[in-house]
Protein backbone atom coordinates (compact mmCIF):
# COMPACT_ATOMS: atom_id res chain seq x y z
CA MET A 1 81.38 93.87 81.18
CA ALA A 2 84.47 96.05 80.03
CA ILE A 3 84.18 99.51 81.41
CA LEU A 4 87.54 100.64 79.96
CA GLN A 5 89.09 99.48 76.65
CA MET A 6 92.28 100.68 75.23
CA THR A 7 93.76 99.61 71.94
CA GLU A 8 97.02 100.04 70.35
CA LEU A 9 97.80 102.97 72.84
CA SER A 10 101.02 104.93 72.24
CA LYS A 11 102.05 108.07 73.78
CA LEU A 12 105.17 110.11 72.48
CA TYR A 13 106.53 113.11 74.51
CA SER A 14 109.17 115.71 73.49
CA LYS A 15 111.50 116.04 76.30
CA GLY A 16 114.86 118.10 76.12
CA GLY A 17 114.67 118.11 72.39
CA ASN A 18 114.24 114.40 72.48
CA GLN A 19 111.30 112.05 71.58
CA VAL A 20 110.36 109.77 74.38
CA LEU A 21 108.06 106.89 73.79
CA ALA A 22 106.15 106.41 77.08
CA LEU A 23 103.63 103.89 75.80
CA ASP A 24 104.28 101.52 72.82
CA GLY A 25 101.30 99.92 71.27
CA LEU A 26 99.64 99.03 74.71
CA THR A 27 96.23 97.07 74.57
CA LEU A 28 94.31 96.78 77.84
CA SER A 29 90.71 95.90 78.85
CA VAL A 30 89.38 96.57 82.32
CA GLU A 31 86.17 94.92 83.53
CA GLU A 32 83.62 96.35 86.07
CA GLY A 33 84.46 95.49 89.62
CA GLU A 34 88.26 94.72 89.18
CA PHE A 35 90.76 95.25 91.93
CA THR A 36 93.87 95.66 89.84
CA ALA A 37 97.51 96.78 90.33
CA ILE A 38 99.75 98.23 87.74
CA VAL A 39 103.33 97.79 88.48
CA GLY A 40 106.65 98.23 86.84
CA PRO A 41 110.09 100.18 87.12
CA SER A 42 110.32 103.92 86.93
CA GLY A 43 110.09 104.88 83.36
CA SER A 44 107.91 101.83 82.38
CA GLY A 45 104.84 103.91 81.56
CA LYS A 46 102.65 103.53 84.68
CA THR A 47 102.10 107.36 85.27
CA THR A 48 101.34 107.90 81.58
CA LEU A 49 98.98 105.06 81.70
CA LEU A 50 97.26 106.26 84.83
CA ASN A 51 97.14 109.78 83.35
CA ILE A 52 95.20 108.49 80.35
CA MET A 53 92.93 106.09 82.18
CA GLY A 54 92.03 109.42 84.48
CA CYS A 55 91.51 111.55 81.48
CA LEU A 56 94.31 113.80 82.52
CA ASP A 57 95.92 113.24 79.18
CA ILE A 58 95.20 111.68 75.63
CA PRO A 59 97.21 109.36 73.66
CA SER A 60 99.39 110.10 70.53
CA SER A 61 97.58 107.20 68.82
CA GLY A 62 95.12 104.34 69.74
CA THR A 63 91.67 104.26 71.00
CA VAL A 64 90.10 104.75 74.50
CA LEU A 65 86.65 103.56 75.19
CA TYR A 66 85.23 104.39 78.59
CA GLY A 67 81.79 103.01 79.31
CA GLY A 68 81.28 103.08 75.67
CA THR A 69 82.50 106.62 75.15
CA ASN A 70 85.40 107.23 72.93
CA LEU A 71 87.66 109.54 74.69
CA GLY A 72 90.80 108.88 72.37
CA THR A 73 90.33 112.22 70.62
CA ALA A 74 88.31 114.22 73.17
CA SER A 75 89.01 117.79 73.82
CA GLU A 76 90.29 119.00 77.33
CA ARG A 77 86.82 120.20 78.20
CA GLU A 78 85.33 117.03 77.11
CA LEU A 79 87.85 114.95 79.26
CA ALA A 80 87.30 117.28 82.27
CA ALA A 81 83.63 116.76 82.15
CA TYR A 82 83.90 113.06 81.82
CA ARG A 83 86.56 112.86 84.62
CA ARG A 84 84.39 115.03 86.96
CA SER A 85 81.43 112.79 86.66
CA HIS A 86 82.78 109.18 86.23
CA ILE A 87 86.34 108.93 87.67
CA SER A 88 87.86 109.48 91.17
CA PHE A 89 91.32 109.67 92.50
CA ILE A 90 93.24 108.55 95.64
CA PHE A 91 96.65 110.11 96.03
CA GLN A 92 99.42 109.00 98.26
CA SER A 93 99.61 112.70 99.77
CA TYR A 94 95.86 112.48 100.58
CA ASN A 95 95.20 116.14 98.90
CA LEU A 96 92.55 117.04 101.40
CA VAL A 97 91.60 120.51 101.59
CA PRO A 98 93.13 121.74 104.99
CA VAL A 99 90.55 124.47 105.84
CA LEU A 100 87.55 122.07 105.17
CA THR A 101 86.41 119.50 107.87
CA VAL A 102 86.23 115.83 107.15
CA ARG A 103 82.58 116.14 106.07
CA GLU A 104 83.17 119.12 103.97
CA ASN A 105 86.02 117.42 102.17
CA VAL A 106 83.93 114.43 101.40
CA GLU A 107 80.89 116.68 100.24
CA LEU A 108 83.23 118.64 97.94
CA PRO A 109 82.85 116.54 94.60
CA LEU A 110 79.08 116.56 94.89
CA LEU A 111 79.21 120.35 95.49
CA ILE A 112 81.23 120.80 92.36
CA GLU A 113 78.92 118.60 90.31
CA ARG A 114 75.84 120.55 91.45
CA LYS A 115 73.49 117.54 90.69
CA LEU A 116 72.23 117.05 94.29
CA GLY A 117 70.53 119.18 96.88
CA LYS A 118 72.20 120.04 100.17
CA ALA A 119 70.31 117.46 102.19
CA ASP A 120 71.15 114.55 99.74
CA ILE A 121 74.77 115.73 99.67
CA ARG A 122 74.93 115.67 103.56
CA ALA A 123 73.30 112.24 103.60
CA ARG A 124 75.63 110.55 101.03
CA ALA A 125 78.67 112.14 102.54
CA ASP A 126 77.54 110.92 106.01
CA GLU A 127 77.01 107.46 104.75
CA LEU A 128 80.63 107.26 103.14
CA ILE A 129 82.25 108.72 106.39
CA ALA A 130 80.43 106.16 108.37
CA ALA A 131 81.72 103.42 105.86
CA VAL A 132 85.34 104.28 106.39
CA GLY A 133 84.92 104.50 110.13
CA LEU A 134 85.20 108.24 110.88
CA SER A 135 81.58 109.20 111.93
CA ASP A 136 83.08 110.57 115.24
CA LYS A 137 85.72 112.76 113.19
CA ALA A 138 83.26 114.41 110.74
CA LYS A 139 83.77 117.82 112.22
CA ARG A 140 87.57 117.45 112.55
CA PHE A 141 90.02 119.22 110.14
CA PRO A 142 92.79 117.13 108.43
CA ARG A 143 95.34 118.57 110.86
CA GLU A 144 93.64 116.88 113.38
CA LEU A 145 93.88 113.23 111.90
CA SER A 146 96.32 110.65 111.73
CA GLY A 147 97.76 109.69 108.14
CA GLY A 148 95.57 106.62 108.13
CA GLN A 149 92.48 108.59 108.93
CA GLU A 150 93.31 111.22 106.22
CA GLN A 151 93.59 108.41 103.75
CA ARG A 152 90.26 107.08 104.73
CA VAL A 153 88.80 110.64 104.13
CA ALA A 154 90.29 110.49 100.64
CA ILE A 155 88.77 107.17 100.07
CA ALA A 156 85.30 108.42 101.29
CA ARG A 157 85.76 111.57 98.98
CA ALA A 158 86.60 109.30 96.08
CA LEU A 159 83.59 107.11 96.39
CA VAL A 160 80.83 109.81 97.34
CA LYS A 161 80.13 110.51 93.56
CA GLN A 162 79.73 106.81 92.83
CA PRO A 163 82.32 106.81 90.06
CA LEU A 164 82.78 104.29 87.34
CA VAL A 165 86.31 103.78 88.36
CA VAL A 166 88.80 104.74 91.31
CA LEU A 167 92.44 105.40 90.39
CA ALA A 168 94.76 105.10 93.23
CA ASP A 169 98.28 106.35 92.80
CA GLU A 170 100.59 104.71 95.53
CA PRO A 171 97.77 105.05 98.12
CA THR A 172 99.84 103.29 100.90
CA ALA A 173 103.18 104.94 100.26
CA ASN A 174 103.01 107.38 103.17
CA LEU A 175 101.56 104.89 105.60
CA ASP A 176 103.25 102.48 108.21
CA SER A 177 102.61 98.87 107.23
CA HIS A 178 99.92 98.27 109.80
CA THR A 179 98.00 101.21 108.60
CA ALA A 180 98.55 100.26 105.05
CA GLU A 181 97.04 96.97 105.67
CA ASP A 182 93.97 98.50 107.33
CA ILE A 183 93.54 100.82 104.27
CA MET A 184 93.87 98.05 101.72
CA GLU A 185 91.37 95.78 103.67
CA LEU A 186 89.01 98.91 103.64
CA MET A 187 89.25 99.21 99.93
CA HIS A 188 88.98 95.50 99.33
CA GLY A 189 85.92 95.20 101.44
CA ILE A 190 84.30 98.19 99.45
CA ASN A 191 85.14 96.60 96.07
CA GLU A 192 83.49 93.32 97.13
CA LYS A 193 80.37 94.98 98.76
CA LYS A 194 79.84 97.51 96.28
CA GLY A 195 81.39 96.31 93.17
CA THR A 196 83.59 99.50 92.84
CA THR A 197 86.34 99.08 90.37
CA PHE A 198 89.93 100.15 91.79
CA ILE A 199 93.06 100.35 89.62
CA PHE A 200 96.19 100.99 91.60
CA SER A 201 99.76 102.26 90.41
CA THR A 202 101.97 101.02 92.99
CA HIS A 203 105.51 99.77 94.09
CA ASP A 204 104.12 98.22 97.18
CA LYS A 205 104.15 94.37 97.53
CA LEU A 206 101.06 94.66 100.01
CA VAL A 207 98.97 96.27 97.18
CA MET A 208 100.21 93.64 94.61
CA GLU A 209 99.16 90.83 97.17
CA LYS A 210 95.85 92.19 97.70
CA ALA A 211 95.12 92.83 94.03
CA ARG A 212 93.22 90.08 91.94
CA ARG A 213 95.08 91.17 88.94
CA VAL A 214 98.53 92.44 88.56
CA ILE A 215 99.82 94.00 85.23
CA THR A 216 103.51 94.73 84.83
CA LEU A 217 104.74 97.33 82.54
CA ARG A 218 108.14 97.53 80.90
CA ASP A 219 109.10 100.03 78.31
CA GLY A 220 105.57 101.18 77.56
CA ARG A 221 104.25 97.67 77.09
CA ILE A 222 102.47 94.90 79.17
CA SER A 223 105.26 92.54 80.03
CA ALA A 224 103.29 90.17 82.27
CA GLU A 225 100.04 89.60 83.76
CA HIS A 226 98.78 87.59 86.83
CA ARG A 227 95.26 86.95 87.96
CA SER A 228 94.35 85.43 91.46
């Protein structure tokens, strides 16, 4: 089942008095449970596409259907509400809150949503912390963790609200090769066990090798696609 359908997507920016076409009539469908990498050289449109997927931006033209909801012409408030409920992000810089513990960082999206009681929030956070292998670090602060452990916290935080899709922007960029391998294995395992949809924007060959679908962008269009 397609959870995301984008049709004839174009995005035009004004930059320094010039018009820049970041996406040029791109059409893409993402199925539930995919483990997909979006690749391409700088300026190919990866960041713009990820921003539209993440409801951080809207296209200049084209349609965006997310879970059957048309977001192509949504207002900023509507985009923010949809993003808060259905989309999670994993960043290369982790973006943890330094003054919060591991558990508090993971609980944060649920506290913002205000849909669950404190006991349920704690239980779900602890479940995800255990799933990423950090139960013994639940009371630690980010400064007390390694880079790989911080990224594991970021993964738990992304999953805690049970999102429709997880968007990961260069999630292995700040990790050594061994830790990057562990992190990719962790996300691959979560994808297989829980069916969580992951979409990566990356230059890392390791991520491309682990992905079951690799989409290559060039000049705002899909230039190649590979499935394994």
